[in-house]
Amino acid sequence: MPARFFSVPLRPDLKEIHIGNLIRDELRRSDHTNQWLADHIGITPRTLQKLFNNPSIDTHQFLTISRALGVDLFASYSASLRESPYSCRA
């Protein structure tokens, strides 16, 4: 039996977060350069520039960038979920 995949639409009450913009903003706040971050996460500065244009990226890469910048970038998503009137709370 083939695997079934279900598409779960983004709930309309959750704010859209553009990861590339989030990373770019955090990099600017850190006073580090694009070259510094690219070196710390093992990509070229050109690839980093392309990453800034992506609305989403791989979770592992997101974690790597969070660690390099010393910032919990995932917190933006957690805050978005907590702010939702439809969030699941225990």
Foldseek 3Di string as FASTA:
>chain_A
DDDDDDDDDDDPQFDQAQVLCLLVVLCVVLVDDLCQLCVQLVHHSVVNVVSSVGSDDDPVSVVSSCVSSVHDSCVVVVVRLVPGPPHDDD
